[in-house]
Structure formats: structure tokens, C-alpha cells
Amino acid sequence: MRQTPSVILVRCGRVGMVRPWDGRDLAESIYRNFERLPAEIRTRIPLRRVWSLVPEVPES
């Protein structure tokens, strides 16, 4: 497998097994686990929680 600089290798549960991550995988992992990250790391990542209303869809 050819690796580009944008691919991050992440060690899985088993010894010697790695899985390539691309930017999308990394972003999704950060979104899912942002609240669990240490405060020092969260302050370095420029994410903000935004709440918005979802318009109701009229029933037909």
C-alpha cells in the first residue's frame, strides 16, 4: 500500500495490526471523542458546539 503524508497509521487492539486513517477518519474520530479529550488538547482544536433548530416537516 502506498502511503501519502495525509495517512495516519493507528494501532488497533492486536499487536502488529495497523489501520490507515485519512483526514476524514481523523475528523470523525475527533468529533466523536472531543468531550473526552484532555482540556489542554481541546483548547488547541478550534471547535465550538453549535445548537440549531430543525424545522418541522409538515405531515402529508
Protein backbone atom coordinates (compact mmCIF):
# COMPACT_ATOMS: atom_id res chain seq x y z
CA MET A 1 0.00 0.00 0.00
CA ARG A 2 1.36 3.39 -0.98
CA GLN A 3 1.17 5.85 1.87
CA THR A 4 0.83 9.56 1.48
CA PRO A 5 1.70 12.15 4.14
CA SER A 6 -2.03 12.60 4.83
CA VAL A 7 -2.42 9.00 6.02
CA ILE A 8 -2.05 8.32 9.72
CA LEU A 9 -1.44 4.77 10.91
CA VAL A 10 -3.37 3.85 14.03
CA ARG A 11 -2.54 0.83 16.12
CA CYS A 12 -5.53 -1.43 16.60
CA GLY A 13 -6.13 -3.72 19.56
CA ARG A 14 -3.86 -6.52 18.34
CA VAL A 15 -0.09 -6.33 18.28
CA GLY A 16 1.27 -5.63 14.81
CA MET A 17 -2.08 -4.67 13.28
CA VAL A 18 -2.42 -1.15 11.94
CA ARG A 19 -5.19 0.60 10.06
CA PRO A 20 -4.60 3.61 7.80
CA TRP A 21 -6.62 6.74 8.59
CA ASP A 22 -7.23 9.58 6.21
CA GLY A 23 -8.28 13.11 7.13
CA ARG A 24 -11.97 12.21 7.18
CA ASP A 25 -11.41 9.31 9.60
CA LEU A 26 -9.38 11.57 11.87
CA ALA A 27 -12.00 14.35 11.83
CA GLU A 28 -14.84 11.92 12.61
CA SER A 29 -12.87 10.43 15.50
CA ILE A 30 -12.21 13.89 16.93
CA TYR A 31 -15.90 14.83 16.65
CA ARG A 32 -16.99 11.62 18.41
CA ASN A 33 -14.44 11.90 21.22
CA PHE A 34 -13.94 15.64 21.63
CA GLU A 35 -15.51 15.81 25.11
CA ARG A 36 -13.21 13.00 26.33
CA LEU A 37 -10.00 14.72 25.22
CA PRO A 38 -7.91 16.45 27.89
CA ALA A 39 -8.70 20.16 28.28
CA GLU A 40 -5.22 21.10 27.05
CA ILE A 41 -5.83 19.39 23.72
CA ARG A 42 -9.43 20.69 23.40
CA THR A 43 -8.18 24.28 23.70
CA ARG A 44 -5.81 23.69 20.77
CA ILE A 45 -8.56 22.37 18.47
CA PRO A 46 -10.75 25.23 17.20
CA LEU A 47 -14.16 23.54 17.56
CA ARG A 48 -17.26 25.12 19.01
CA ARG A 49 -20.54 23.43 19.86
CA VAL A 50 -23.46 24.98 18.00
CA TRP A 51 -27.11 24.30 18.67
CA SER A 52 -29.69 24.89 15.97
CA LEU A 53 -33.37 24.26 15.48
CA VAL A 54 -34.55 21.78 12.90
CA PRO A 55 -37.68 22.93 11.08
CA GLU A 56 -40.62 20.57 11.36
CA VAL A 57 -41.59 18.78 8.21
CA PRO A 58 -45.35 19.01 7.57
CA GLU A 59 -47.06 15.65 7.50
CA SER A 60 -48.67 14.85 4.18
